[in-house]
Amino acid sequence: MKTPVVNMFVTCEYVTMGMGERPTVVDVFNNIRFSELPGTHNFTLFARLLAEPGTYPITIQAGREGGEKSVDVFSADITVGESHAHNILVKEDFSFDQPGQYTFSIYSDGHMLGETYLAITNGASATEEVTPDESEIQ
């Protein structure tokens, strides 16, 4: 069997499945701002795996840039059927203790298939400058 390919790996709010298990990915994002840390956010990691029919060991790890070693957030043997595709959804409350860039990496049998990144920031968001309405200018 050949090594599987991941043609999509994203952080998003949620995923719905349509006819033929076609995914619709909703609200893809790559940053989260917390008012203070540590903080928790519920979101979905979504990966679309393309491969020959068979069973593949899949692991998704998370780690912070410059942080300690990565931790497994998902690990399972995935069976790909005759459609040559399998959707992987990991939906949970993810906790972040420090600001920085977090990397989510997906592996099969020790081979990295893809990565996605999430920037975590903290503090109050900058206020946007509001242009006065024309009726207020007079």
Protein backbone atom coordinates (compact mmCIF):
# COMPACT_ATOMS: atom_id res chain seq x y z
CA MET A 1 0.00 0.00 0.00
CA LYS A 2 1.12 3.51 -0.74
CA THR A 3 1.34 6.17 1.94
CA PRO A 4 -1.99 8.04 2.23
CA VAL A 5 -2.30 11.66 1.19
CA VAL A 6 -4.07 14.42 3.13
CA ASN A 7 -5.65 16.91 0.74
CA MET A 8 -7.18 19.08 3.50
CA PHE A 9 -6.17 19.61 7.12
CA VAL A 10 -7.72 22.61 8.88
CA THR A 11 -8.97 24.03 12.16
CA CYS A 12 -12.63 25.02 11.87
CA GLU A 13 -15.82 25.47 13.87
CA TYR A 14 -17.51 22.33 12.50
CA VAL A 15 -17.99 20.03 9.50
CA THR A 16 -21.20 18.66 8.03
CA MET A 17 -21.44 15.67 5.72
CA GLY A 18 -23.50 15.80 2.55
CA MET A 19 -24.40 13.14 0.04
CA GLY A 20 -21.66 10.62 -0.56
CA GLU A 21 -19.90 11.76 2.63
CA ARG A 22 -18.80 14.99 0.95
CA PRO A 23 -17.65 17.38 3.69
CA THR A 24 -18.70 20.99 4.08
CA VAL A 25 -16.15 22.76 6.27
CA VAL A 26 -17.56 25.75 8.17
CA ASP A 27 -15.59 28.76 9.49
CA VAL A 28 -11.95 27.86 8.93
CA PHE A 29 -9.65 29.95 11.16
CA ASN A 30 -6.00 30.11 12.15
CA ASN A 31 -5.98 32.31 15.26
CA ILE A 32 -7.75 32.57 18.59
CA ARG A 33 -7.60 35.58 20.93
CA PHE A 34 -8.26 34.94 24.61
CA SER A 35 -8.87 37.74 27.11
CA GLU A 36 -6.56 35.81 29.45
CA LEU A 37 -4.68 32.53 29.44
CA PRO A 38 -4.94 29.68 30.17
CA GLY A 39 -8.03 29.33 28.00
CA THR A 40 -10.14 26.66 26.35
CA HIS A 41 -11.86 26.73 22.96
CA ASN A 42 -14.04 24.05 21.38
CA PHE A 43 -13.24 23.52 17.70
CA THR A 44 -12.78 20.81 15.11
CA LEU A 45 -9.63 19.51 13.48
CA PHE A 46 -10.64 18.16 10.07
CA ALA A 47 -8.51 16.02 7.74
CA ARG A 48 -9.51 14.47 4.42
CA LEU A 49 -7.45 11.33 3.88
CA LEU A 50 -7.05 9.91 0.36
CA ALA A 51 -5.64 6.40 0.03
CA GLU A 52 -5.97 2.98 -1.50
CA PRO A 53 -8.49 0.79 0.32
CA GLY A 54 -6.95 -0.61 3.48
CA THR A 55 -6.22 0.18 7.13
CA TYR A 56 -3.76 2.91 8.14
CA PRO A 57 -2.45 3.96 11.56
CA ILE A 58 -3.19 7.68 11.90
CA THR A 59 -1.93 10.00 14.65
CA ILE A 60 -2.52 13.73 15.10
CA GLN A 61 -0.15 15.56 17.43
CA ALA A 62 -0.25 19.09 18.86
CA GLY A 63 2.69 21.15 20.02
CA ARG A 64 3.64 24.74 20.76
CA GLU A 65 6.56 26.40 19.00
CA GLY A 66 9.48 26.35 21.42
CA GLY A 67 7.45 24.29 23.87
CA GLU A 68 7.99 20.86 25.22
CA LYS A 69 7.32 17.73 23.18
CA SER A 70 4.13 17.29 21.17
CA VAL A 71 1.14 15.41 22.56
CA ASP A 72 -1.23 13.05 20.76
CA VAL A 73 -4.74 14.45 20.30
CA PHE A 74 -5.92 11.57 18.08
CA SER A 75 -4.67 8.07 17.37
CA ALA A 76 -6.55 5.28 15.58
CA ASP A 77 -6.39 2.71 12.82
CA ILE A 78 -8.44 4.20 9.97
CA THR A 79 -10.03 1.95 7.37
CA VAL A 80 -10.31 3.52 3.92
CA GLY A 81 -13.01 1.94 1.76
CA GLU A 82 -13.68 1.74 -1.96
CA SER A 83 -14.29 5.50 -2.11
CA HIS A 84 -10.51 5.97 -1.58
CA ALA A 85 -11.28 8.70 0.98
CA HIS A 86 -11.88 8.99 4.70
CA ASN A 87 -12.82 12.05 6.76
CA ILE A 88 -11.20 12.48 10.17
CA LEU A 89 -12.91 14.81 12.64
CA VAL A 90 -11.49 15.61 16.06
CA LYS A 91 -13.92 17.84 17.95
CA GLU A 92 -13.11 18.72 21.52
CA ASP A 93 -12.22 21.45 23.98
CA PHE A 94 -8.60 22.35 23.33
CA SER A 95 -6.73 24.09 26.15
CA PHE A 96 -3.95 26.61 25.66
CA ASP A 97 -1.72 27.80 28.48
CA GLN A 98 0.55 30.27 26.68
CA PRO A 99 0.42 32.53 23.63
CA GLY A 100 2.30 31.50 20.51
CA GLN A 101 2.04 29.33 17.45
CA TYR A 102 0.66 25.84 17.94
CA THR A 103 1.19 23.19 15.29
CA PHE A 104 -1.10 20.25 14.59
CA SER A 105 0.64 17.49 12.59
CA ILE A 106 -0.90 14.37 11.06
CA TYR A 107 1.12 11.16 10.62
CA SER A 108 0.65 7.71 9.19
CA ASP A 109 3.11 5.03 10.20
CA GLY A 110 5.73 7.66 11.11
CA HIS A 111 5.37 9.64 7.85
CA MET A 112 4.17 13.23 8.21
CA LEU A 113 1.18 13.80 5.94
CA GLY A 114 0.49 17.46 6.74
CA GLU A 115 0.44 20.31 9.23
CA THR A 116 -1.82 23.15 10.17
CA TYR A 117 -1.09 26.08 12.48
CA LEU A 118 -3.02 28.05 15.06
CA ALA A 119 -1.82 31.34 16.56
CA ILE A 120 -2.90 31.94 20.15
CA THR A 121 -2.87 35.50 21.50
CA ASN A 122 -4.11 37.02 24.73
CA GLY A 123 -5.17 40.43 25.95
CA ALA A 124 -7.97 42.78 25.07
CA SER A 125 -8.52 43.21 21.34
CA ALA A 126 -7.54 46.54 19.83
CA THR A 127 -10.45 48.95 19.46
CA GLU A 128 -11.30 49.78 15.90
CA GLU A 129 -11.47 53.39 14.82
CA VAL A 130 -15.09 54.21 14.00
CA THR A 131 -15.84 56.79 11.32
CA PRO A 132 -18.57 59.19 12.48
CA ASP A 133 -21.90 59.00 10.70
CA GLU A 134 -22.57 61.99 8.35
CA SER A 135 -25.47 63.14 10.58
CA GLU A 136 -23.03 63.42 13.52
CA ILE A 137 -20.56 65.66 11.62
CA GLN A 138 -22.73 68.79 11.48
